[in-house]
Amino acid sequence: MGRAERETVAAGRRLDGAARSLLADHERAAGAVREALAPILDASVAEVLGAVPVSRLQETGARLRTGPVEQAGLTTVRQVLDAGPARLQQ
């Protein structure tokens, strides 16, 4: 293999390394964005669920008994979610 070929192979290896580095940087950046976005999305979902009355769950078509839930003082879907299974089974 001559000098030109060796230089071409070396340039190809450098280019491959740069491409791999770029992909790794992209993955790190995308991960950082997902990590930063998670609490924002969680807060948004919590706010929306806090505005949805328990009675709206009956609109899902499922046979849900919301009366006992509302009588227990849980008036929003968020409160039901936050209550967890143990409290809901009481």
PDB file of N, CA and C in Angstrom:
ATOM      1  N   MET A   1       0.851  -1.164   0.000  1.00  0.00           N
ATOM      2  CA  MET A   1       0.000   0.000   0.000  1.00  0.00           C
ATOM      3  C   MET A   1       0.903   1.235   0.000  1.00  0.00           C
ATOM      4  N   GLY A   2       0.573   2.145  -0.889  1.00  0.00           N
ATOM      5  CA  GLY A   2       1.374   3.357  -1.026  1.00  0.00           C
ATOM      6  C   GLY A   2       0.944   4.443  -0.056  1.00  0.00           C
ATOM      7  N   ARG A   3       1.688   5.538  -0.106  1.00  0.00           N
ATOM      8  CA  ARG A   3       1.442   6.663   0.794  1.00  0.00           C
ATOM      9  C   ARG A   3       0.039   7.229   0.606  1.00  0.00           C
ATOM     10  N   ALA A   4      -0.402   7.421  -0.618  1.00  0.00           N
ATOM     11  CA  ALA A   4      -1.728   7.988  -0.887  1.00  0.00           C
ATOM     12  C   ALA A   4      -2.821   7.102  -0.301  1.00  0.00           C
ATOM     13  N   GLU A   5      -2.653   5.810  -0.444  1.00  0.00           N
ATOM     14  CA  GLU A   5      -3.649   4.881   0.100  1.00  0.00           C
ATOM     15  C   GLU A   5      -3.675   4.938   1.629  1.00  0.00           C
ATOM     16  N   ARG A   6      -2.488   4.976   2.246  1.00  0.00           N
ATOM     17  CA  ARG A   6      -2.419   5.054   3.709  1.00  0.00           C
ATOM     18  C   ARG A   6      -3.070   6.341   4.213  1.00  0.00           C
ATOM     19  N   GLU A   7      -2.810   7.439   3.513  1.00  0.00           N
ATOM     20  CA  GLU A   7      -3.418   8.718   3.901  1.00  0.00           C
ATOM     21  C   GLU A   7      -4.937   8.671   3.738  1.00  0.00           C
ATOM     22  N   THR A   8      -5.399   8.016   2.691  1.00  0.00           N
ATOM     23  CA  THR A   8      -6.840   7.888   2.471  1.00  0.00           C
ATOM     24  C   THR A   8      -7.481   7.047   3.569  1.00  0.00           C
ATOM     25  N   VAL A   9      -6.833   5.936   3.919  1.00  0.00           N
ATOM     26  CA  VAL A   9      -7.343   5.081   4.999  1.00  0.00           C
ATOM     27  C   VAL A   9      -7.335   5.855   6.318  1.00  0.00           C
ATOM     28  N   ALA A  10      -6.272   6.595   6.594  1.00  0.00           N
ATOM     29  CA  ALA A  10      -6.183   7.381   7.828  1.00  0.00           C
ATOM     30  C   ALA A  10      -7.284   8.447   7.864  1.00  0.00           C
ATOM     31  N   ALA A  11      -7.511   9.106   6.734  1.00  0.00           N
ATOM     32  CA  ALA A  11      -8.569  10.120   6.666  1.00  0.00           C
ATOM     33  C   ALA A  11      -9.933   9.473   6.885  1.00  0.00           C
ATOM     34  N   GLY A  12     -10.123   8.298   6.318  1.00  0.00           N
ATOM     35  CA  GLY A  12     -11.382   7.573   6.516  1.00  0.00           C
ATOM     36  C   GLY A  12     -11.599   7.216   7.976  1.00  0.00           C
ATOM     37  N   ARG A  13     -10.535   6.794   8.641  1.00  0.00           N
ATOM     38  CA  ARG A  13     -10.639   6.455  10.066  1.00  0.00           C
ATOM     39  C   ARG A  13     -10.968   7.691  10.906  1.00  0.00           C
ATOM     40  N   ARG A  14     -10.331   8.812  10.562  1.00  0.00           N
ATOM     41  CA  ARG A  14     -10.630  10.058  11.285  1.00  0.00           C
ATOM     42  C   ARG A  14     -12.090  10.460  11.064  1.00  0.00           C
ATOM     43  N   LEU A  15     -12.547  10.335   9.844  1.00  0.00           N
ATOM     44  CA  LEU A  15     -13.933  10.674   9.524  1.00  0.00           C
ATOM     45  C   LEU A  15     -14.900   9.747  10.270  1.00  0.00           C
ATOM     46  N   ASP A  16     -14.565   8.462  10.322  1.00  0.00           N
ATOM     47  CA  ASP A  16     -15.388   7.508  11.062  1.00  0.00           C
ATOM     48  C   ASP A  16     -15.431   7.889  12.542  1.00  0.00           C
ATOM     49  N   GLY A  17     -14.287   8.239  13.106  1.00  0.00           N
ATOM     50  CA  GLY A  17     -14.234   8.652  14.509  1.00  0.00           C
ATOM     51  C   GLY A  17     -15.063   9.901  14.758  1.00  0.00           C
ATOM     52  N   ALA A  18     -14.974  10.854  13.831  1.00  0.00           N
ATOM     53  CA  ALA A  18     -15.755  12.087  13.979  1.00  0.00           C
ATOM     54  C   ALA A  18     -17.254  11.790  13.908  1.00  0.00           C
ATOM     55  N   ALA A  19     -17.641  10.911  12.994  1.00  0.00           N
ATOM     56  CA  ALA A  19     -19.056  10.555  12.862  1.00  0.00           C
ATOM     57  C   ALA A  19     -19.556   9.853  14.122  1.00  0.00           C
ATOM     58  N   ARG A  20     -18.760   8.938  14.656  1.00  0.00           N
ATOM     59  CA  ARG A  20     -19.159   8.240  15.888  1.00  0.00           C
ATOM     60  C   ARG A  20     -19.260   9.218  17.060  1.00  0.00           C
ATOM     61  N   SER A  21     -18.341  10.156  17.126  1.00  0.00           N
ATOM     62  CA  SER A  21     -18.365  11.162  18.181  1.00  0.00           C
ATOM     63  C   SER A  21     -19.615  12.039  18.063  1.00  0.00           C
ATOM     64  N   LEU A  22     -19.954  12.403  16.835  1.00  0.00           N
ATOM     65  CA  LEU A  22     -21.146  13.212  16.597  1.00  0.00           C
ATOM     66  C   LEU A  22     -22.400  12.468  17.045  1.00  0.00           C
ATOM     67  N   LEU A  23     -22.484  11.183  16.720  1.00  0.00           N
ATOM     68  CA  LEU A  23     -23.636  10.384  17.144  1.00  0.00           C
ATOM     69  C   LEU A  23     -23.719  10.295  18.666  1.00  0.00           C
ATOM     70  N   ALA A  24     -22.588  10.098  19.310  1.00  0.00           N
ATOM     71  CA  ALA A  24     -22.574  10.023  20.775  1.00  0.00           C
ATOM     72  C   ALA A  24     -22.995  11.360  21.385  1.00  0.00           C
ATOM     73  N   ASP A  25     -22.506  12.471  20.814  1.00  0.00           N
ATOM     74  CA  ASP A  25     -22.895  13.797  21.300  1.00  0.00           C
ATOM     75  C   ASP A  25     -24.399  14.006  21.145  1.00  0.00           C
ATOM     76  N   HIS A  26     -24.935  13.571  20.017  1.00  0.00           N
ATOM     77  CA  HIS A  26     -26.373  13.711  19.772  1.00  0.00           C
ATOM     78  C   HIS A  26     -27.166  12.922  20.811  1.00  0.00           C
ATOM     79  N   GLU A  27     -26.759  11.700  21.083  1.00  0.00           N
ATOM     80  CA  GLU A  27     -27.453  10.880  22.077  1.00  0.00           C
ATOM     81  C   GLU A  27     -27.400  11.528  23.459  1.00  0.00           C
ATOM     82  N   ARG A  28     -26.245  12.077  23.827  1.00  0.00           N
ATOM     83  CA  ARG A  28     -26.131  12.755  25.125  1.00  0.00           C
ATOM     84  C   ARG A  28     -27.044  13.979  25.171  1.00  0.00           C
ATOM     85  N   ALA A  29     -27.072  14.751  24.091  1.00  0.00           N
ATOM     86  CA  ALA A  29     -27.913  15.952  24.052  1.00  0.00           C
ATOM     87  C   ALA A  29     -29.394  15.580  24.120  1.00  0.00           C
ATOM     88  N   ALA A  30     -29.785  14.561  23.371  1.00  0.00           N
ATOM     89  CA  ALA A  30     -31.183  14.126  23.392  1.00  0.00           C
ATOM     90  C   ALA A  30     -31.558  13.622  24.785  1.00  0.00           C
ATOM     91  N   GLY A  31     -30.668  12.907  25.433  1.00  0.00           N
ATOM     92  CA  GLY A  31     -30.922  12.434  26.794  1.00  0.00           C
ATOM     93  C   GLY A  31     -31.080  13.588  27.769  1.00  0.00           C
ATOM     94  N   ALA A  32     -30.249  14.603  27.617  1.00  0.00           N
ATOM     95  CA  ALA A  32     -30.339  15.773  28.496  1.00  0.00           C
ATOM     96  C   ALA A  32     -31.666  16.504  28.295  1.00  0.00           C
ATOM     97  N   VAL A  33     -32.108  16.592  27.057  1.00  0.00           N
ATOM     98  CA  VAL A  33     -33.394  17.241  26.774  1.00  0.00           C
ATOM     99  C   VAL A  33     -34.532  16.436  27.398  1.00  0.00           C
ATOM    100  N   ARG A  34     -34.503  15.108  27.225  1.00  0.00           N
ATOM    101  CA  ARG A  34     -35.547  14.265  27.827  1.00  0.00           C
ATOM    102  C   ARG A  34     -35.554  14.422  29.348  1.00  0.00           C
ATOM    103  N   GLU A  35     -34.373  14.459  29.948  1.00  0.00           N
ATOM    104  CA  GLU A  35     -34.266  14.606  31.399  1.00  0.00           C
ATOM    105  C   GLU A  35     -34.807  15.956  31.863  1.00  0.00           C
ATOM    106  N   ALA A  36     -34.518  17.006  31.110  1.00  0.00           N
ATOM    107  CA  ALA A  36     -35.002  18.338  31.472  1.00  0.00           C
ATOM    108  C   ALA A  36     -36.509  18.470  31.247  1.00  0.00           C
ATOM    109  N   LEU A  37     -37.021  17.771  30.259  1.00  0.00           N
ATOM    110  CA  LEU A  37     -38.437  17.870  29.915  1.00  0.00           C
ATOM    111  C   LEU A  37     -39.330  17.077  30.866  1.00  0.00           C
ATOM    112  N   ALA A  38     -38.821  16.013  31.445  1.00  0.00           N
ATOM    113  CA  ALA A  38     -39.635  15.129  32.285  1.00  0.00           C
ATOM    114  C   ALA A  38     -40.377  15.870  33.404  1.00  0.00           C
ATOM    115  N   PRO A  39     -39.714  16.696  34.215  1.00  0.00           N
ATOM    116  CA  PRO A  39     -40.463  17.368  35.284  1.00  0.00           C
ATOM    117  C   PRO A  39     -41.481  18.377  34.748  1.00  0.00           C
ATOM    118  N   ILE A  40     -41.190  18.965  33.606  1.00  0.00           N
ATOM    119  CA  ILE A  40     -42.138  19.907  33.004  1.00  0.00           C
ATOM    120  C   ILE A  40     -43.394  19.161  32.568  1.00  0.00           C
ATOM    121  N   LEU A  41     -43.202  18.014  31.913  1.00  0.00           N
ATOM    122  CA  LEU A  41     -44.347  17.205  31.492  1.00  0.00           C
ATOM    123  C   LEU A  41     -45.121  16.683  32.695  1.00  0.00           C
ATOM    124  N   ASP A  42     -44.406  16.232  33.720  1.00  0.00           N
ATOM    125  CA  ASP A  42     -45.071  15.731  34.926  1.00  0.00           C
ATOM    126  C   ASP A  42     -45.948  16.811  35.553  1.00  0.00           C
ATOM    127  N   ALA A  43     -45.427  18.019  35.635  1.00  0.00           N
ATOM    128  CA  ALA A  43     -46.193  19.125  36.212  1.00  0.00           C
ATOM    129  C   ALA A  43     -47.408  19.454  35.357  1.00  0.00           C
ATOM    130  N   SER A  44     -47.234  19.417  34.051  1.00  0.00           N
ATOM    131  CA  SER A  44     -48.344  19.703  33.145  1.00  0.00           C
ATOM    132  C   SER A  44     -49.443  18.655  33.270  1.00  0.00           C
ATOM    133  N   VAL A  45     -49.045  17.393  33.313  1.00  0.00           N
ATOM    134  CA  VAL A  45     -50.022  16.307  33.463  1.00  0.00           C
ATOM    135  C   VAL A  45     -50.743  16.437  34.801  1.00  0.00           C
ATOM    136  N   ALA A  46     -50.003  16.718  35.857  1.00  0.00           N
ATOM    137  CA  ALA A  46     -50.610  16.869  37.179  1.00  0.00           C
ATOM    138  C   ALA A  46     -51.627  18.007  37.181  1.00  0.00           C
ATOM    139  N   GLU A  47     -51.296  19.097  36.515  1.00  0.00           N
ATOM    140  CA  GLU A  47     -52.212  20.238  36.447  1.00  0.00           C
ATOM    141  C   GLU A  47     -53.486  19.871  35.696  1.00  0.00           C
ATOM    142  N   VAL A  48     -53.328  19.197  34.567  1.00  0.00           N
ATOM    143  CA  VAL A  48     -54.497  18.810  33.770  1.00  0.00           C
ATOM    144  C   VAL A  48     -55.370  17.827  34.544  1.00  0.00           C
ATOM    145  N   LEU A  49     -54.742  16.808  35.149  1.00  0.00           N
ATOM    146  CA  LEU A  49     -55.520  15.820  35.901  1.00  0.00           C
ATOM    147  C   LEU A  49     -56.191  16.444  37.120  1.00  0.00           C
ATOM    148  N   GLY A  50     -55.590  17.490  37.660  1.00  0.00           N
ATOM    149  CA  GLY A  50     -56.189  18.191  38.790  1.00  0.00           C
ATOM    150  C   GLY A  50     -57.433  18.965  38.412  1.00  0.00           C
ATOM    151  N   ALA A  51     -57.615  19.207  37.127  1.00  0.00           N
ATOM    152  CA  ALA A  51     -58.788  19.938  36.657  1.00  0.00           C
ATOM    153  C   ALA A  51     -59.895  19.010  36.154  1.00  0.00           C
ATOM    154  N   VAL A  52     -59.627  17.709  36.112  1.00  0.00           N
ATOM    155  CA  VAL A  52     -60.617  16.759  35.595  1.00  0.00           C
ATOM    156  C   VAL A  52     -61.390  16.153  36.765  1.00  0.00           C
ATOM    157  N   PRO A  53     -62.705  16.385  36.807  1.00  0.00           N
ATOM    158  CA  PRO A  53     -63.490  15.807  37.896  1.00  0.00           C
ATOM    159  C   PRO A  53     -63.598  14.287  37.763  1.00  0.00           C
ATOM    160  N   VAL A  54     -63.695  13.616  38.890  1.00  0.00           N
ATOM    161  CA  VAL A  54     -63.812  12.156  38.912  1.00  0.00           C
ATOM    162  C   VAL A  54     -65.003  11.700  38.072  1.00  0.00           C
ATOM    163  N   SER A  55     -66.068  12.452  38.074  1.00  0.00           N
ATOM    164  CA  SER A  55     -67.271  12.063  37.327  1.00  0.00           C
ATOM    165  C   SER A  55     -67.002  11.874  35.833  1.00  0.00           C
ATOM    166  N   ARG A  56     -65.986  12.537  35.309  1.00  0.00           N
ATOM    167  CA  ARG A  56     -65.646  12.385  33.883  1.00  0.00           C
ATOM    168  C   ARG A  56     -65.140  10.990  33.560  1.00  0.00           C
ATOM    169  N   LEU A  57     -64.680  10.252  34.561  1.00  0.00           N
ATOM    170  CA  LEU A  57     -64.200   8.891  34.316  1.00  0.00           C
ATOM    171  C   LEU A  57     -65.313   7.991  33.794  1.00  0.00           C
ATOM    172  N   GLN A  58     -66.550   8.331  34.106  1.00  0.00           N
ATOM    173  CA  GLN A  58     -67.670   7.532  33.614  1.00  0.00           C
ATOM    174  C   GLN A  58     -67.826   7.660  32.101  1.00  0.00           C
ATOM    175  N   GLU A  59     -67.284   8.697  31.515  1.00  0.00           N
ATOM    176  CA  GLU A  59     -67.363   8.901  30.070  1.00  0.00           C
ATOM    177  C   GLU A  59     -66.457   7.951  29.301  1.00  0.00           C
ATOM    178  N   THR A  60     -65.623   7.216  29.997  1.00  0.00           N
ATOM    179  CA  THR A  60     -64.705   6.290  29.321  1.00  0.00           C
ATOM    180  C   THR A  60     -65.420   5.057  28.805  1.00  0.00           C
ATOM    181  N   GLY A  61     -66.626   4.824  29.267  1.00  0.00           N
ATOM    182  CA  GLY A  61     -67.354   3.632  28.853  1.00  0.00           C
ATOM    183  C   GLY A  61     -67.108   2.455  29.775  1.00  0.00           C
ATOM    184  N   ALA A  62     -66.141   2.583  30.646  1.00  0.00           N
ATOM    185  CA  ALA A  62     -65.867   1.518  31.611  1.00  0.00           C
ATOM    186  C   ALA A  62     -66.912   1.590  32.723  1.00  0.00           C
ATOM    187  N   ARG A  63     -67.125   0.494  33.360  1.00  0.00           N
ATOM    188  CA  ARG A  63     -68.109   0.438  34.438  1.00  0.00           C
ATOM    189  C   ARG A  63     -67.413   0.792  35.748  1.00  0.00           C
ATOM    190  N   LEU A  64     -67.241   2.078  35.963  1.00  0.00           N
ATOM    191  CA  LEU A  64     -66.546   2.556  37.156  1.00  0.00           C
ATOM    192  C   LEU A  64     -67.549   3.101  38.159  1.00  0.00           C
ATOM    193  N   ARG A  65     -67.338   2.762  39.404  1.00  0.00           N
ATOM    194  CA  ARG A  65     -68.175   3.289  40.480  1.00  0.00           C
ATOM    195  C   ARG A  65     -67.462   4.503  41.068  1.00  0.00           C
ATOM    196  N   THR A  66     -67.863   5.664  40.629  1.00  0.00           N
ATOM    197  CA  THR A  66     -67.189   6.877  41.102  1.00  0.00           C
ATOM    198  C   THR A  66     -67.845   7.456  42.348  1.00  0.00           C
ATOM    199  N   GLY A  67     -69.075   7.055  42.634  1.00  0.00           N
ATOM    200  CA  GLY A  67     -69.776   7.580  43.814  1.00  0.00           C
ATOM    201  C   GLY A  67     -68.990   7.392  45.097  1.00  0.00           C
ATOM    202  N   PRO A  68     -68.567   6.169  45.409  1.00  0.00           N
ATOM    203  CA  PRO A  68     -67.801   5.962  46.644  1.00  0.00           C
ATOM    204  C   PRO A  68     -66.485   6.747  46.670  1.00  0.00           C
ATOM    205  N   VAL A  69     -65.895   6.902  45.521  1.00  0.00           N
ATOM    206  CA  VAL A  69     -64.638   7.661  45.443  1.00  0.00           C
ATOM    207  C   VAL A  69     -64.899   9.117  45.795  1.00  0.00           C
ATOM    208  N   GLU A  70     -65.951   9.682  45.206  1.00  0.00           N
ATOM    209  CA  GLU A  70     -66.288  11.077  45.491  1.00  0.00           C
ATOM    210  C   GLU A  70     -66.731  11.249  46.948  1.00  0.00           C
ATOM    211  N   GLN A  71     -67.446  10.262  47.485  1.00  0.00           N
ATOM    212  CA  GLN A  71     -67.872  10.334  48.885  1.00  0.00           C
ATOM    213  C   GLN A  71     -66.677  10.288  49.837  1.00  0.00           C
ATOM    214  N   ALA A  72     -65.594   9.674  49.383  1.00  0.00           N
ATOM    215  CA  ALA A  72     -64.368   9.622  50.195  1.00  0.00           C
ATOM    216  C   ALA A  72     -63.594  10.930  50.120  1.00  0.00           C
ATOM    217  N   GLY A  73     -64.120  11.899  49.368  1.00  0.00           N
ATOM    218  CA  GLY A  73     -63.485  13.210  49.298  1.00  0.00           C
ATOM    219  C   GLY A  73     -62.529  13.392  48.134  1.00  0.00           C
ATOM    220  N   LEU A  74     -62.466  12.409  47.256  1.00  0.00           N
ATOM    221  CA  LEU A  74     -61.598  12.516  46.078  1.00  0.00           C
ATOM    222  C   LEU A  74     -62.439  13.070  44.934  1.00  0.00           C
ATOM    223  N   THR A  75     -62.176  14.308  44.561  1.00  0.00           N
ATOM    224  CA  THR A  75     -63.028  14.961  43.568  1.00  0.00           C
ATOM    225  C   THR A  75     -62.377  15.113  42.200  1.00  0.00           C
ATOM    226  N   THR A  76     -61.048  14.949  42.128  1.00  0.00           N
ATOM    227  CA  THR A  76     -60.370  15.081  40.834  1.00  0.00           C
ATOM    228  C   THR A  76     -59.624  13.792  40.498  1.00  0.00           C
ATOM    229  N   VAL A  77     -59.353  13.620  39.227  1.00  0.00           N
ATOM    230  CA  VAL A  77     -58.612  12.445  38.779  1.00  0.00           C
ATOM    231  C   VAL A  77     -57.220  12.436  39.401  1.00  0.00           C
ATOM    232  N   ARG A  78     -56.624  13.594  39.569  1.00  0.00           N
ATOM    233  CA  ARG A  78     -55.299  13.645  40.194  1.00  0.00           C
ATOM    234  C   ARG A  78     -55.350  13.142  41.632  1.00  0.00           C
ATOM    235  N   GLN A  79     -56.377  13.515  42.359  1.00  0.00           N
ATOM    236  CA  GLN A  79     -56.504  13.039  43.737  1.00  0.00           C
ATOM    237  C   GLN A  79     -56.631  11.517  43.774  1.00  0.00           C
ATOM    238  N   VAL A  80     -57.355  10.957  42.807  1.00  0.00           N
ATOM    239  CA  VAL A  80     -57.490   9.499  42.729  1.00  0.00           C
ATOM    240  C   VAL A  80     -56.133   8.875  42.444  1.00  0.00           C
ATOM    241  N   LEU A  81     -55.415   9.440  41.494  1.00  0.00           N
ATOM    242  CA  LEU A  81     -54.088   8.927  41.154  1.00  0.00           C
ATOM    243  C   LEU A  81     -53.147   9.020  42.352  1.00  0.00           C
ATOM    244  N   ASP A  82     -53.162  10.149  43.017  1.00  0.00           N
ATOM    245  CA  ASP A  82     -52.283  10.351  44.172  1.00  0.00           C
ATOM    246  C   ASP A  82     -52.672   9.458  45.355  1.00  0.00           C
ATOM    247  N   ALA A  83     -53.950   9.117  45.459  1.00  0.00           N
ATOM    248  CA  ALA A  83     -54.417   8.295  46.577  1.00  0.00           C
ATOM    249  C   ALA A  83     -53.801   6.908  46.541  1.00  0.00           C
ATOM    250  N   GLY A  84     -53.634   6.368  45.367  1.00  0.00           N
ATOM    251  CA  GLY A  84     -53.033   5.046  45.238  1.00  0.00           C
ATOM    252  C   GLY A  84     -54.014   3.924  45.532  1.00  0.00           C
ATOM    253  N   PRO A  85     -53.643   2.717  45.186  1.00  0.00           N
ATOM    254  CA  PRO A  85     -54.530   1.560  45.324  1.00  0.00           C
ATOM    255  C   PRO A  85     -54.966   1.272  46.762  1.00  0.00           C
ATOM    256  N   ALA A  86     -54.069   1.427  47.716  1.00  0.00           N
ATOM    257  CA  ALA A  86     -54.408   1.089  49.102  1.00  0.00           C
ATOM    258  C   ALA A  86     -55.572   1.935  49.611  1.00  0.00           C
ATOM    259  N   ARG A  87     -55.518   3.229  49.373  1.00  0.00           N
ATOM    260  CA  ARG A  87     -56.602   4.106  49.847  1.00  0.00           C
ATOM    261  C   ARG A  87     -57.884   3.842  49.072  1.00  0.00           C
ATOM    262  N   LEU A  88     -57.775   3.540  47.799  1.00  0.00           N
ATOM    263  CA  LEU A  88     -58.967   3.312  46.987  1.00  0.00           C
ATOM    264  C   LEU A  88     -59.684   2.022  47.373  1.00  0.00           C
ATOM    265  N   GLN A  89     -58.969   1.081  47.934  1.00  0.00           N
ATOM    266  CA  GLN A  89     -59.592  -0.185  48.322  1.00  0.00           C
ATOM    267  C   GLN A  89     -60.233  -0.129  49.699  1.00  0.00           C
ATOM    268  N   GLN A  90     -60.078   0.972  50.405  1.00  0.00           N
ATOM    269  CA  GLN A  90     -60.664   1.104  51.749  1.00  0.00           C
ATOM    270  C   GLN A  90     -62.164   1.231  51.672  1.00  0.00           C
TER     271      GLN A  90
END
